[in-house]
Amino acid sequence: MSTLHGTLNPWTADELSRIHQASLSVLEKTGAYVDSDRVLDFLEQTEARVDRQAKTVRFPGDLVERQLREAPGSWDRRAVSRGMFSVSADCGSDMIWDHEARGARSCGRSDLIDVPRLVEAMEHIDEAGNLVFPQDVPAPLQDMITYRYMWQHTQKEGGGGLGRCPSCMRVCSPRVFDDLCNMLEVKRGKEGMKAHPEFSFFMGVASPLRFGSDVLELALHSI
């Protein structure tokens, strides 16, 4: 199989700049709803403008720009040549296309084995994370079960997540987060966990720009 090369970028530099500036304007003028007193306490110590009664936080554009510059970036550990097309499989699916039935179906336990083995055999997928979430496994256990089978049936790891960060996990509670960290510590050891991060926590926002107490408290727990 020949090596794939190329760049996929549907946006011009001017279009990306306009989207970015519009986002900064929304964050500064409208702000976000933050449903956590602990997070509001923290944000009051920054340049953000906090309305405790409305639980709304407005972020000055220069504050956002500075945080973006100081962010650690991605953990893309694969040394690929500039311009090489690199693929990562991640952000597990609830549904899967069944080629025999010629239609979509819910992911099941057998897919925990079949999908990682398929990814392992595909030459141009260089990293893999939590690929499927079987619907016949209770939600609080899905992350742990998924990683257990991923680590057994493929040597590809780390995922790619958003911005080539480690694999995103679908954590349901602080206990699940702690259990996942304990699993990774058994696999890599404490120092190995720091040097080679394998999953990341994605703090999603609900429309319109609302951060719920559940995701915020879990984010605080994960620090």
N, C-alpha and C. Protein backbone atom coordinates (compact mmCIF):
# COMPACT_ATOMS: atom_id res chain seq x y z
N MET A 1 0.84 -1.19 0.00
CA MET A 1 0.00 0.00 0.00
C MET A 1 0.88 1.24 0.00
N SER A 2 0.59 2.18 -0.85
CA SER A 2 1.41 3.39 -0.95
C SER A 2 1.14 4.33 0.23
N THR A 3 2.14 5.15 0.54
CA THR A 3 2.02 6.11 1.63
C THR A 3 1.14 7.28 1.20
N LEU A 4 0.24 7.69 2.08
CA LEU A 4 -0.63 8.81 1.78
C LEU A 4 0.03 10.12 2.17
N HIS A 5 -0.11 11.13 1.34
CA HIS A 5 0.42 12.45 1.63
C HIS A 5 -0.67 13.48 1.32
N GLY A 6 -0.55 14.65 1.93
CA GLY A 6 -1.47 15.71 1.60
C GLY A 6 -1.92 16.50 2.81
N THR A 7 -2.61 17.58 2.56
CA THR A 7 -3.14 18.44 3.62
C THR A 7 -4.60 18.73 3.35
N LEU A 8 -5.42 18.57 4.38
CA LEU A 8 -6.85 18.87 4.26
C LEU A 8 -7.14 20.12 5.06
N ASN A 9 -7.47 21.21 4.40
CA ASN A 9 -7.78 22.47 5.07
C ASN A 9 -8.82 23.22 4.24
N PRO A 10 -10.10 23.11 4.62
CA PRO A 10 -11.16 23.74 3.83
C PRO A 10 -11.28 25.24 4.05
N TRP A 11 -10.50 25.81 4.97
CA TRP A 11 -10.63 27.22 5.32
C TRP A 11 -9.43 28.03 4.83
N THR A 12 -9.69 29.25 4.41
CA THR A 12 -8.60 30.17 4.11
C THR A 12 -8.15 30.82 5.42
N ALA A 13 -6.98 31.43 5.41
CA ALA A 13 -6.47 32.10 6.60
C ALA A 13 -7.41 33.22 7.03
N ASP A 14 -7.97 33.94 6.07
CA ASP A 14 -8.90 35.03 6.40
C ASP A 14 -10.18 34.50 7.03
N GLU A 15 -10.70 33.38 6.53
CA GLU A 15 -11.91 32.80 7.10
C GLU A 15 -11.68 32.33 8.52
N LEU A 16 -10.53 31.70 8.76
CA LEU A 16 -10.22 31.25 10.12
C LEU A 16 -10.09 32.43 11.07
N SER A 17 -9.49 33.51 10.61
CA SER A 17 -9.35 34.70 11.45
C SER A 17 -10.71 35.30 11.79
N ARG A 18 -11.62 35.33 10.82
CA ARG A 18 -12.95 35.89 11.07
C ARG A 18 -13.73 35.04 12.07
N ILE A 19 -13.62 33.72 11.96
CA ILE A 19 -14.28 32.83 12.92
C ILE A 19 -13.71 33.05 14.32
N HIS A 20 -12.39 33.16 14.40
CA HIS A 20 -11.74 33.36 15.70
C HIS A 20 -12.17 34.69 16.33
N GLN A 21 -12.18 35.74 15.56
CA GLN A 21 -12.56 37.06 16.09
C GLN A 21 -14.02 37.07 16.53
N ALA A 22 -14.88 36.39 15.79
CA ALA A 22 -16.30 36.31 16.18
C ALA A 22 -16.45 35.54 17.48
N SER A 23 -15.65 34.48 17.65
CA SER A 23 -15.71 33.71 18.89
C SER A 23 -15.25 34.54 20.08
N LEU A 24 -14.18 35.31 19.90
CA LEU A 24 -13.70 36.19 20.97
C LEU A 24 -14.76 37.21 21.36
N SER A 25 -15.47 37.73 20.36
CA SER A 25 -16.52 38.71 20.63
C SER A 25 -17.65 38.12 21.45
N VAL A 26 -18.06 36.89 21.13
CA VAL A 26 -19.12 36.23 21.88
C VAL A 26 -18.69 35.99 23.33
N LEU A 27 -17.48 35.51 23.52
CA LEU A 27 -16.99 35.24 24.87
C LEU A 27 -16.88 36.52 25.71
N GLU A 28 -16.55 37.62 25.06
CA GLU A 28 -16.37 38.87 25.79
C GLU A 28 -17.68 39.61 26.05
N LYS A 29 -18.59 39.58 25.09
CA LYS A 29 -19.83 40.36 25.21
C LYS A 29 -20.98 39.55 25.82
N THR A 30 -21.09 38.28 25.45
CA THR A 30 -22.17 37.43 25.95
C THR A 30 -21.71 36.59 27.13
N GLY A 31 -20.57 35.98 27.00
CA GLY A 31 -20.03 35.16 28.08
C GLY A 31 -20.62 33.76 28.11
N ALA A 32 -20.30 33.04 29.17
CA ALA A 32 -20.75 31.66 29.34
C ALA A 32 -21.39 31.48 30.71
N TYR A 33 -22.37 30.60 30.77
CA TYR A 33 -23.02 30.26 32.04
C TYR A 33 -22.17 29.21 32.73
N VAL A 34 -21.79 29.48 33.98
CA VAL A 34 -20.90 28.59 34.73
C VAL A 34 -21.60 28.17 36.01
N ASP A 35 -22.06 26.92 36.05
CA ASP A 35 -22.88 26.45 37.17
C ASP A 35 -22.03 25.75 38.23
N SER A 36 -21.07 26.49 38.79
CA SER A 36 -20.23 25.94 39.86
C SER A 36 -19.67 27.09 40.69
N ASP A 37 -20.02 27.14 41.96
CA ASP A 37 -19.51 28.21 42.82
C ASP A 37 -18.00 28.12 42.96
N ARG A 38 -17.46 26.91 42.98
CA ARG A 38 -16.01 26.75 43.12
C ARG A 38 -15.28 27.31 41.90
N VAL A 39 -15.83 27.10 40.72
CA VAL A 39 -15.21 27.63 39.51
C VAL A 39 -15.36 29.14 39.45
N LEU A 40 -16.52 29.64 39.87
CA LEU A 40 -16.72 31.08 39.91
C LEU A 40 -15.74 31.75 40.87
N ASP A 41 -15.49 31.10 42.01
CA ASP A 41 -14.50 31.60 42.98
C ASP A 41 -13.14 31.74 42.31
N PHE A 42 -12.77 30.71 41.54
CA PHE A 42 -11.47 30.73 40.87
C PHE A 42 -11.42 31.83 39.81
N LEU A 43 -12.49 31.95 39.02
CA LEU A 43 -12.49 32.92 37.92
C LEU A 43 -12.52 34.36 38.43
N GLU A 44 -13.04 34.57 39.63
CA GLU A 44 -13.02 35.93 40.20
C GLU A 44 -11.60 36.40 40.48
N GLN A 45 -10.66 35.48 40.58
CA GLN A 45 -9.27 35.84 40.82
C GLN A 45 -8.51 36.14 39.52
N THR A 46 -9.22 36.06 38.40
CA THR A 46 -8.60 36.33 37.10
C THR A 46 -9.16 37.62 36.53
N GLU A 47 -8.84 37.90 35.29
CA GLU A 47 -9.34 39.10 34.61
C GLU A 47 -10.76 38.92 34.08
N ALA A 48 -11.31 37.72 34.20
CA ALA A 48 -12.68 37.48 33.73
C ALA A 48 -13.67 38.28 34.56
N ARG A 49 -14.78 38.68 33.94
CA ARG A 49 -15.82 39.45 34.62
C ARG A 49 -16.93 38.50 35.05
N VAL A 50 -17.10 38.33 36.35
CA VAL A 50 -18.00 37.33 36.90
C VAL A 50 -19.26 38.00 37.46
N ASP A 51 -20.41 37.51 37.04
CA ASP A 51 -21.70 37.92 37.59
C ASP A 51 -22.21 36.76 38.43
N ARG A 52 -22.02 36.84 39.75
CA ARG A 52 -22.36 35.72 40.62
C ARG A 52 -23.85 35.42 40.59
N GLN A 53 -24.68 36.44 40.55
CA GLN A 53 -26.12 36.22 40.59
C GLN A 53 -26.62 35.48 39.35
N ALA A 54 -26.11 35.88 38.20
CA ALA A 54 -26.52 35.24 36.94
C ALA A 54 -25.65 34.03 36.60
N LYS A 55 -24.58 33.81 37.37
CA LYS A 55 -23.62 32.74 37.10
C LYS A 55 -23.08 32.83 35.67
N THR A 56 -22.81 34.06 35.26
CA THR A 56 -22.30 34.31 33.92
C THR A 56 -20.89 34.87 34.01
N VAL A 57 -20.01 34.40 33.14
CA VAL A 57 -18.63 34.86 33.11
C VAL A 57 -18.31 35.36 31.70
N ARG A 58 -17.78 36.59 31.64
CA ARG A 58 -17.36 37.16 30.36
C ARG A 58 -15.84 37.22 30.33
N PHE A 59 -15.28 36.74 29.23
CA PHE A 59 -13.83 36.59 29.12
C PHE A 59 -13.27 37.62 28.15
N PRO A 60 -12.44 38.57 28.62
CA PRO A 60 -11.82 39.53 27.70
C PRO A 60 -11.01 38.82 26.63
N GLY A 61 -11.04 39.38 25.43
CA GLY A 61 -10.35 38.74 24.31
C GLY A 61 -8.88 38.53 24.55
N ASP A 62 -8.19 39.52 25.18
CA ASP A 62 -6.75 39.37 25.39
C ASP A 62 -6.45 38.26 26.40
N LEU A 63 -7.39 38.02 27.35
CA LEU A 63 -7.21 36.92 28.29
C LEU A 63 -7.28 35.58 27.57
N VAL A 64 -8.26 35.45 26.67
CA VAL A 64 -8.40 34.21 25.90
C VAL A 64 -7.18 33.99 25.02
N GLU A 65 -6.73 35.06 24.34
CA GLU A 65 -5.57 34.94 23.46
C GLU A 65 -4.33 34.50 24.24
N ARG A 66 -4.15 35.05 25.43
CA ARG A 66 -2.98 34.70 26.23
C ARG A 66 -3.02 33.24 26.67
N GLN A 67 -4.22 32.78 27.07
CA GLN A 67 -4.34 31.38 27.48
C GLN A 67 -4.09 30.43 26.32
N LEU A 68 -4.51 30.82 25.12
CA LEU A 68 -4.26 29.98 23.95
C LEU A 68 -2.77 29.90 23.66
N ARG A 69 -2.06 31.01 23.82
CA ARG A 69 -0.61 30.99 23.58
C ARG A 69 0.12 30.14 24.60
N GLU A 70 -0.38 30.11 25.84
CA GLU A 70 0.31 29.38 26.91
C GLU A 70 -0.15 27.93 27.05
N ALA A 71 -1.16 27.54 26.28
CA ALA A 71 -1.65 26.16 26.35
C ALA A 71 -0.57 25.20 25.88
N PRO A 72 -0.50 24.00 26.47
CA PRO A 72 0.58 23.07 26.12
C PRO A 72 0.50 22.52 24.72
N GLY A 73 -0.65 22.64 24.06
CA GLY A 73 -0.76 22.09 22.71
C GLY A 73 -1.09 20.61 22.72
N SER A 74 -0.71 19.92 21.68
CA SER A 74 -1.06 18.51 21.55
C SER A 74 0.07 17.62 22.07
N TRP A 75 -0.26 16.34 22.19
CA TRP A 75 0.73 15.34 22.58
C TRP A 75 0.95 14.37 21.43
N ASP A 76 1.08 14.89 20.25
CA ASP A 76 1.27 14.01 19.10
C ASP A 76 2.68 13.43 19.18
N ARG A 77 2.77 12.15 19.52
CA ARG A 77 4.06 11.53 19.76
C ARG A 77 4.62 10.83 18.52
N ARG A 78 3.87 10.84 17.45
CA ARG A 78 4.32 10.10 16.27
C ARG A 78 5.21 10.99 15.41
N ALA A 79 6.39 10.54 15.14
CA ALA A 79 7.34 11.33 14.34
C ALA A 79 7.08 11.06 12.86
N VAL A 80 6.22 11.88 12.27
CA VAL A 80 5.91 11.74 10.85
C VAL A 80 6.53 12.90 10.10
N SER A 81 6.87 12.65 8.85
CA SER A 81 7.46 13.69 8.02
C SER A 81 6.46 14.80 7.76
N ARG A 82 6.95 15.99 7.60
CA ARG A 82 6.09 17.13 7.33
C ARG A 82 5.31 16.88 6.05
N GLY A 83 4.01 17.07 6.12
CA GLY A 83 3.17 16.86 4.95
C GLY A 83 2.59 15.47 4.85
N MET A 84 3.04 14.54 5.70
CA MET A 84 2.50 13.18 5.64
C MET A 84 1.09 13.14 6.22
N PHE A 85 0.23 12.40 5.59
CA PHE A 85 -1.16 12.26 6.05
C PHE A 85 -1.21 11.23 7.17
N SER A 86 -1.55 11.67 8.39
CA SER A 86 -1.55 10.79 9.55
C SER A 86 -2.96 10.69 10.11
N VAL A 87 -3.41 9.47 10.42
CA VAL A 87 -4.79 9.23 10.83
C VAL A 87 -4.84 8.67 12.24
N SER A 88 -5.73 9.20 13.06
CA SER A 88 -5.95 8.66 14.39
C SER A 88 -7.42 8.32 14.55
N ALA A 89 -7.71 7.15 15.12
CA ALA A 89 -9.08 6.72 15.36
C ALA A 89 -9.40 6.89 16.84
N ASP A 90 -10.48 7.64 17.13
CA ASP A 90 -10.76 7.96 18.52
C ASP A 90 -12.21 8.40 18.67
N CYS A 91 -12.57 8.80 19.90
CA CYS A 91 -13.90 9.33 20.23
C CYS A 91 -14.97 8.30 19.89
N GLY A 92 -15.02 7.24 20.69
CA GLY A 92 -15.83 6.07 20.43
C GLY A 92 -17.27 6.30 20.01
N SER A 93 -17.75 5.41 19.20
CA SER A 93 -19.08 5.51 18.62
C SER A 93 -20.08 4.62 19.36
N ASP A 94 -21.34 5.05 19.39
CA ASP A 94 -22.42 4.24 19.93
C ASP A 94 -23.02 3.31 18.86
N MET A 95 -22.80 3.67 17.59
CA MET A 95 -23.35 2.90 16.47
C MET A 95 -22.21 2.44 15.57
N ILE A 96 -22.46 1.39 14.81
CA ILE A 96 -21.46 0.86 13.89
C ILE A 96 -22.16 0.39 12.61
N TRP A 97 -21.46 0.52 11.48
CA TRP A 97 -22.02 0.07 10.21
C TRP A 97 -21.74 -1.43 10.04
N ASP A 98 -22.80 -2.18 9.94
CA ASP A 98 -22.71 -3.62 9.78
C ASP A 98 -22.77 -3.95 8.29
N HIS A 99 -21.63 -4.39 7.73
CA HIS A 99 -21.58 -4.62 6.29
C HIS A 99 -22.41 -5.83 5.88
N GLU A 100 -22.54 -6.80 6.74
CA GLU A 100 -23.35 -7.98 6.39
C GLU A 100 -24.83 -7.62 6.35
N ALA A 101 -25.28 -6.83 7.33
CA ALA A 101 -26.69 -6.42 7.38
C ALA A 101 -26.97 -5.22 6.49
N ARG A 102 -25.89 -4.56 6.01
CA ARG A 102 -26.01 -3.37 5.16
C ARG A 102 -26.79 -2.27 5.88
N GLY A 103 -26.42 -2.02 7.12
CA GLY A 103 -27.10 -0.96 7.87
C GLY A 103 -26.40 -0.71 9.20
N ALA A 104 -26.83 0.35 9.86
CA ALA A 104 -26.24 0.72 11.15
C ALA A 104 -26.91 -0.07 12.27
N ARG A 105 -26.14 -0.37 13.30
CA ARG A 105 -26.67 -1.04 14.47
C ARG A 105 -25.93 -0.53 15.71
N SER A 106 -26.47 -0.79 16.88
CA SER A 106 -25.81 -0.40 18.12
C SER A 106 -24.55 -1.23 18.32
N CYS A 107 -23.52 -0.61 18.89
CA CYS A 107 -22.29 -1.34 19.20
C CYS A 107 -22.56 -2.36 20.30
N GLY A 108 -21.97 -3.54 20.16
CA GLY A 108 -22.13 -4.59 21.15
C GLY A 108 -20.78 -5.04 21.68
N ARG A 109 -20.80 -6.02 22.56
CA ARG A 109 -19.57 -6.46 23.21
C ARG A 109 -18.58 -7.06 22.23
N SER A 110 -19.07 -7.73 21.19
CA SER A 110 -18.14 -8.34 20.23
C SER A 110 -17.31 -7.28 19.51
N ASP A 111 -17.87 -6.07 19.37
CA ASP A 111 -17.14 -5.00 18.70
C ASP A 111 -15.94 -4.53 19.51
N LEU A 112 -15.95 -4.77 20.83
CA LEU A 112 -14.81 -4.42 21.66
C LEU A 112 -13.55 -5.16 21.23
N ILE A 113 -13.73 -6.33 20.62
CA ILE A 113 -12.60 -7.13 20.13
C ILE A 113 -12.37 -6.88 18.64
N ASP A 114 -13.44 -6.93 17.86
CA ASP A 114 -13.32 -6.85 16.40
C ASP A 114 -12.78 -5.51 15.93
N VAL A 115 -13.27 -4.40 16.50
CA VAL A 115 -12.86 -3.08 16.02
C VAL A 115 -11.39 -2.79 16.33
N PRO A 116 -10.89 -3.03 17.55
CA PRO A 116 -9.46 -2.82 17.77
C PRO A 116 -8.57 -3.68 16.88
N ARG A 117 -8.99 -4.92 16.63
CA ARG A 117 -8.20 -5.78 15.74
C ARG A 117 -8.19 -5.25 14.31
N LEU A 118 -9.32 -4.70 13.87
CA LEU A 118 -9.37 -4.09 12.54
C LEU A 118 -8.45 -2.89 12.47
N VAL A 119 -8.48 -2.04 13.50
CA VAL A 119 -7.61 -0.86 13.54
C VAL A 119 -6.14 -1.28 13.55
N GLU A 120 -5.82 -2.33 14.28
CA GLU A 120 -4.44 -2.82 14.35
C GLU A 120 -3.94 -3.23 12.97
N ALA A 121 -4.82 -3.76 12.15
CA ALA A 121 -4.43 -4.26 10.83
C ALA A 121 -4.36 -3.16 9.77
N MET A 122 -4.88 -1.98 10.06
CA MET A 122 -4.93 -0.91 9.06
C MET A 122 -3.67 -0.06 9.15
N GLU A 123 -2.89 -0.10 8.10
CA GLU A 123 -1.54 0.47 8.08
C GLU A 123 -1.51 1.97 8.36
N HIS A 124 -2.47 2.71 7.84
CA HIS A 124 -2.39 4.17 7.91
C HIS A 124 -3.08 4.76 9.14
N ILE A 125 -3.61 3.92 10.01
CA ILE A 125 -4.09 4.41 11.31
C ILE A 125 -2.93 4.25 12.30
N ASP A 126 -2.39 5.37 12.77
CA ASP A 126 -1.19 5.29 13.60
C ASP A 126 -1.48 5.29 15.09
N GLU A 127 -2.65 5.83 15.52
CA GLU A 127 -3.01 5.86 16.93
C GLU A 127 -4.47 5.49 17.08
N ALA A 128 -4.83 4.96 18.24
CA ALA A 128 -6.22 4.56 18.48
C ALA A 128 -6.57 4.77 19.93
N GLY A 129 -7.81 5.21 20.16
CA GLY A 129 -8.30 5.42 21.52
C GLY A 129 -9.52 4.56 21.78
N ASN A 130 -10.47 5.11 22.53
CA ASN A 130 -11.69 4.35 22.85
C ASN A 130 -12.61 4.32 21.64
N LEU A 131 -12.59 3.24 20.91
CA LEU A 131 -13.21 3.19 19.58
C LEU A 131 -14.71 3.00 19.61
N VAL A 132 -15.22 2.16 20.51
CA VAL A 132 -16.66 1.89 20.54
C VAL A 132 -17.16 1.91 21.98
N PHE A 133 -18.43 2.24 22.13
CA PHE A 133 -19.08 2.18 23.43
C PHE A 133 -20.26 1.22 23.33
N PRO A 134 -20.08 -0.04 23.72
CA PRO A 134 -21.15 -1.04 23.58
C PRO A 134 -22.37 -0.67 24.42
N GLN A 135 -23.51 -0.71 23.80
CA GLN A 135 -24.73 -0.30 24.48
C GLN A 135 -25.25 -1.35 25.45
N ASP A 136 -24.69 -2.57 25.42
CA ASP A 136 -25.11 -3.59 26.37
C ASP A 136 -24.19 -3.64 27.59
N VAL A 137 -23.36 -2.60 27.76
CA VAL A 137 -22.52 -2.43 28.95
C VAL A 137 -23.01 -1.19 29.69
N PRO A 138 -23.22 -1.25 31.00
CA PRO A 138 -23.71 -0.07 31.75
C PRO A 138 -22.80 1.14 31.53
N ALA A 139 -23.40 2.32 31.39
CA ALA A 139 -22.67 3.54 31.06
C ALA A 139 -21.49 3.81 32.00
N PRO A 140 -21.64 3.64 33.33
CA PRO A 140 -20.50 3.94 34.22
C PRO A 140 -19.29 3.05 33.98
N LEU A 141 -19.48 1.90 33.30
CA LEU A 141 -18.39 0.96 33.08
C LEU A 141 -17.81 1.04 31.68
N GLN A 142 -18.43 1.82 30.79
CA GLN A 142 -18.04 1.78 29.38
C GLN A 142 -16.60 2.20 29.16
N ASP A 143 -16.14 3.28 29.81
CA ASP A 143 -14.76 3.72 29.64
C ASP A 143 -13.78 2.63 30.04
N MET A 144 -13.98 2.05 31.22
CA MET A 144 -13.04 1.06 31.74
C MET A 144 -13.03 -0.20 30.87
N ILE A 145 -14.20 -0.66 30.46
CA ILE A 145 -14.28 -1.86 29.62
C ILE A 145 -13.63 -1.59 28.26
N THR A 146 -13.90 -0.41 27.69
CA THR A 146 -13.34 -0.07 26.38
C THR A 146 -11.82 -0.07 26.41
N TYR A 147 -11.24 0.60 27.41
CA TYR A 147 -9.78 0.64 27.50
C TYR A 147 -9.19 -0.74 27.77
N ARG A 148 -9.86 -1.53 28.57
CA ARG A 148 -9.36 -2.87 28.87
C ARG A 148 -9.19 -3.69 27.58
N TYR A 149 -10.17 -3.62 26.67
CA TYR A 149 -10.10 -4.37 25.42
C TYR A 149 -9.17 -3.70 24.41
N MET A 150 -9.14 -2.36 24.40
CA MET A 150 -8.22 -1.67 23.50
C MET A 150 -6.79 -2.09 23.80
N TRP A 151 -6.41 -2.08 25.07
CA TRP A 151 -5.04 -2.40 25.45
C TRP A 151 -4.70 -3.85 25.16
N GLN A 152 -5.69 -4.72 25.07
CA GLN A 152 -5.45 -6.13 24.82
C GLN A 152 -5.36 -6.46 23.33
N HIS A 153 -6.12 -5.75 22.49
CA HIS A 153 -6.28 -6.18 21.10
C HIS A 153 -5.64 -5.26 20.07
N THR A 154 -4.98 -4.19 20.50
CA THR A 154 -4.19 -3.39 19.55
C THR A 154 -3.01 -2.77 20.29
N GLN A 155 -1.89 -2.70 19.58
CA GLN A 155 -0.70 -2.03 20.12
C GLN A 155 -0.76 -0.53 19.88
N LYS A 156 -1.69 -0.10 19.05
CA LYS A 156 -1.85 1.33 18.79
C LYS A 156 -2.60 1.96 19.95
N GLU A 157 -2.14 3.11 20.39
CA GLU A 157 -2.71 3.70 21.59
C GLU A 157 -2.66 5.22 21.51
N GLY A 158 -3.17 5.86 22.56
CA GLY A 158 -3.06 7.31 22.66
C GLY A 158 -4.16 8.08 22.00
N GLY A 159 -4.85 7.46 21.05
CA GLY A 159 -5.93 8.18 20.39
C GLY A 159 -5.41 9.36 19.60
N GLY A 160 -6.22 10.36 19.49
CA GLY A 160 -5.86 11.57 18.77
C GLY A 160 -6.71 12.69 19.27
N GLY A 161 -7.93 12.34 19.69
CA GLY A 161 -8.80 13.32 20.31
C GLY A 161 -8.93 14.58 19.48
N LEU A 162 -9.14 15.70 20.16
CA LEU A 162 -9.23 16.99 19.51
C LEU A 162 -7.86 17.62 19.50
N GLY A 163 -7.36 17.98 18.33
CA GLY A 163 -6.05 18.58 18.25
C GLY A 163 -4.92 17.62 18.52
N ARG A 164 -5.14 16.33 18.24
CA ARG A 164 -4.14 15.29 18.41
C ARG A 164 -3.74 15.09 19.87
N CYS A 165 -4.62 15.41 20.79
CA CYS A 165 -4.38 15.13 22.20
C CYS A 165 -4.67 13.65 22.46
N PRO A 166 -4.30 13.14 23.66
CA PRO A 166 -4.61 11.74 23.97
C PRO A 166 -6.11 11.48 23.90
N SER A 167 -6.46 10.22 23.86
CA SER A 167 -7.83 9.78 23.67
C SER A 167 -8.79 10.43 24.67
N CYS A 168 -9.94 10.87 24.17
CA CYS A 168 -10.97 11.44 25.03
C CYS A 168 -11.74 10.33 25.73
N MET A 169 -11.99 10.49 27.02
CA MET A 169 -12.78 9.49 27.74
C MET A 169 -14.15 10.06 28.08
N ARG A 170 -15.09 9.17 28.21
CA ARG A 170 -16.48 9.56 28.48
C ARG A 170 -16.77 9.26 29.95
N VAL A 171 -16.16 10.04 30.83
CA VAL A 171 -16.23 9.77 32.26
C VAL A 171 -17.60 10.14 32.82
N CYS A 172 -18.12 9.30 33.72
CA CYS A 172 -19.44 9.54 34.30
C CYS A 172 -19.37 10.06 35.73
N SER A 173 -18.24 9.85 36.42
CA SER A 173 -18.16 10.24 37.82
C SER A 173 -16.71 10.32 38.24
N PRO A 174 -16.42 11.02 39.36
CA PRO A 174 -15.04 11.05 39.87
C PRO A 174 -14.49 9.66 40.14
N ARG A 175 -15.34 8.73 40.60
CA ARG A 175 -14.85 7.38 40.88
C ARG A 175 -14.38 6.69 39.61
N VAL A 176 -15.12 6.86 38.50
CA VAL A 176 -14.71 6.27 37.24
C VAL A 176 -13.38 6.86 36.80
N PHE A 177 -13.23 8.18 36.95
CA PHE A 177 -11.97 8.83 36.59
C PHE A 177 -10.82 8.24 37.39
N ASP A 178 -11.02 8.09 38.70
CA ASP A 178 -9.96 7.52 39.56
C ASP A 178 -9.64 6.08 39.16
N ASP A 179 -10.67 5.31 38.83
CA ASP A 179 -10.44 3.91 38.43
C ASP A 179 -9.64 3.85 37.13
N LEU A 180 -9.93 4.74 36.19
CA LEU A 180 -9.17 4.78 34.94
C LEU A 180 -7.71 5.12 35.19
N CYS A 181 -7.47 6.08 36.08
CA CYS A 181 -6.09 6.45 36.42
C CYS A 181 -5.37 5.28 37.09
N ASN A 182 -6.09 4.54 37.93
CA ASN A 182 -5.49 3.37 38.58
C ASN A 182 -5.13 2.30 37.55
N MET A 183 -6.01 2.12 36.56
CA MET A 183 -5.72 1.15 35.50
C MET A 183 -4.47 1.55 34.72
N LEU A 184 -4.38 2.84 34.40
CA LEU A 184 -3.23 3.31 33.63
C LEU A 184 -1.94 3.22 34.44
N GLU A 185 -2.04 3.44 35.76
CA GLU A 185 -0.86 3.33 36.61
C GLU A 185 -0.34 1.90 36.65
N VAL A 186 -1.26 0.92 36.65
CA VAL A 186 -0.85 -0.48 36.60
C VAL A 186 -0.12 -0.76 35.28
N LYS A 187 -0.61 -0.16 34.21
CA LYS A 187 -0.02 -0.40 32.89
C LYS A 187 1.34 0.28 32.73
N ARG A 188 1.46 1.52 33.19
CA ARG A 188 2.65 2.30 32.89
C ARG A 188 3.49 2.69 34.09
N GLY A 189 2.91 2.68 35.32
CA GLY A 189 3.61 3.22 36.46
C GLY A 189 3.38 4.72 36.56
N LYS A 190 3.63 5.30 37.74
CA LYS A 190 3.33 6.72 37.94
C LYS A 190 4.14 7.62 37.00
N GLU A 191 5.42 7.35 36.87
CA GLU A 191 6.25 8.19 36.01
C GLU A 191 5.87 8.01 34.54
N GLY A 192 5.53 6.79 34.18
CA GLY A 192 5.12 6.55 32.80
C GLY A 192 3.83 7.27 32.44
N MET A 193 2.94 7.42 33.42
CA MET A 193 1.69 8.15 33.17
C MET A 193 1.96 9.60 32.81
N LYS A 194 2.96 10.20 33.48
CA LYS A 194 3.28 11.60 33.21
C LYS A 194 4.01 11.77 31.88
N ALA A 195 4.91 10.86 31.59
CA ALA A 195 5.71 10.98 30.38
C ALA A 195 4.95 10.57 29.13
N HIS A 196 3.94 9.71 29.30
CA HIS A 196 3.23 9.17 28.15
C HIS A 196 1.73 9.18 28.43
N PRO A 197 1.10 10.35 28.43
CA PRO A 197 -0.33 10.42 28.72
C PRO A 197 -1.14 9.66 27.68
N GLU A 198 -2.09 8.89 28.14
CA GLU A 198 -2.84 8.03 27.23
C GLU A 198 -4.28 8.45 27.04
N PHE A 199 -4.86 9.19 27.98
CA PHE A 199 -6.20 9.71 27.74
C PHE A 199 -6.32 11.12 28.31
N SER A 200 -7.29 11.85 27.80
CA SER A 200 -7.52 13.22 28.23
C SER A 200 -8.99 13.41 28.56
N PHE A 201 -9.28 14.42 29.36
CA PHE A 201 -10.65 14.72 29.75
C PHE A 201 -11.15 15.90 28.94
N PHE A 202 -12.20 15.69 28.17
CA PHE A 202 -12.78 16.74 27.34
C PHE A 202 -13.94 17.37 28.07
N MET A 203 -13.84 18.67 28.38
CA MET A 203 -14.88 19.37 29.12
C MET A 203 -15.85 20.01 28.14
N GLY A 204 -16.91 19.28 27.80
CA GLY A 204 -17.85 19.76 26.81
C GLY A 204 -18.73 20.90 27.32
N VAL A 205 -19.19 21.72 26.39
CA VAL A 205 -20.09 22.82 26.71
C VAL A 205 -21.45 22.53 26.09
N ALA A 206 -22.52 22.78 26.86
CA ALA A 206 -23.88 22.57 26.35
C ALA A 206 -24.38 23.88 25.74
N SER A 207 -25.14 23.77 24.68
CA SER A 207 -25.70 24.96 24.04
C SER A 207 -26.79 25.58 24.91
N PRO A 208 -26.85 26.92 24.98
CA PRO A 208 -25.91 27.89 24.40
C PRO A 208 -24.86 28.31 25.41
N LEU A 209 -23.63 27.87 25.24
CA LEU A 209 -22.49 28.25 26.08
C LEU A 209 -22.79 28.06 27.57
N ARG A 210 -23.17 26.85 27.94
CA ARG A 210 -23.47 26.53 29.34
C ARG A 210 -22.56 25.39 29.81
N PHE A 211 -21.87 25.63 30.91
CA PHE A 211 -21.06 24.60 31.54
C PHE A 211 -21.79 24.11 32.78
N GLY A 212 -22.24 22.85 32.78
CA GLY A 212 -23.00 22.30 33.88
C GLY A 212 -22.14 22.00 35.09
N SER A 213 -22.78 21.89 36.24
CA SER A 213 -22.06 21.63 37.48
C SER A 213 -21.36 20.27 37.44
N ASP A 214 -21.96 19.28 36.76
CA ASP A 214 -21.37 17.94 36.73
C ASP A 214 -20.01 17.94 36.05
N VAL A 215 -19.95 18.53 34.85
CA VAL A 215 -18.69 18.52 34.12
C VAL A 215 -17.65 19.42 34.79
N LEU A 216 -18.09 20.51 35.40
CA LEU A 216 -17.14 21.41 36.07
C LEU A 216 -16.56 20.78 37.33
N GLU A 217 -17.39 20.11 38.11
CA GLU A 217 -16.88 19.46 39.32
C GLU A 217 -15.93 18.32 38.97
N LEU A 218 -16.23 17.62 37.88
CA LEU A 218 -15.34 16.54 37.46
C LEU A 218 -14.02 17.11 36.96
N ALA A 219 -14.07 18.27 36.27
CA ALA A 219 -12.85 18.92 35.81
C ALA A 219 -11.99 19.31 37.01
N LEU A 220 -12.60 19.85 38.06
CA LEU A 220 -11.86 20.21 39.26
C LEU A 220 -11.26 18.97 39.92
N HIS A 221 -12.01 17.88 39.90
CA HIS A 221 -11.52 16.63 40.51
C HIS A 221 -10.32 16.09 39.75
N SER A 222 -10.28 16.32 38.45
CA SER A 222 -9.20 15.74 37.63
C SER A 222 -7.90 16.51 37.70
N ILE A 223 -7.90 17.68 38.31
CA ILE A 223 -6.68 18.49 38.37
C ILE A 223 -5.62 17.81 39.23
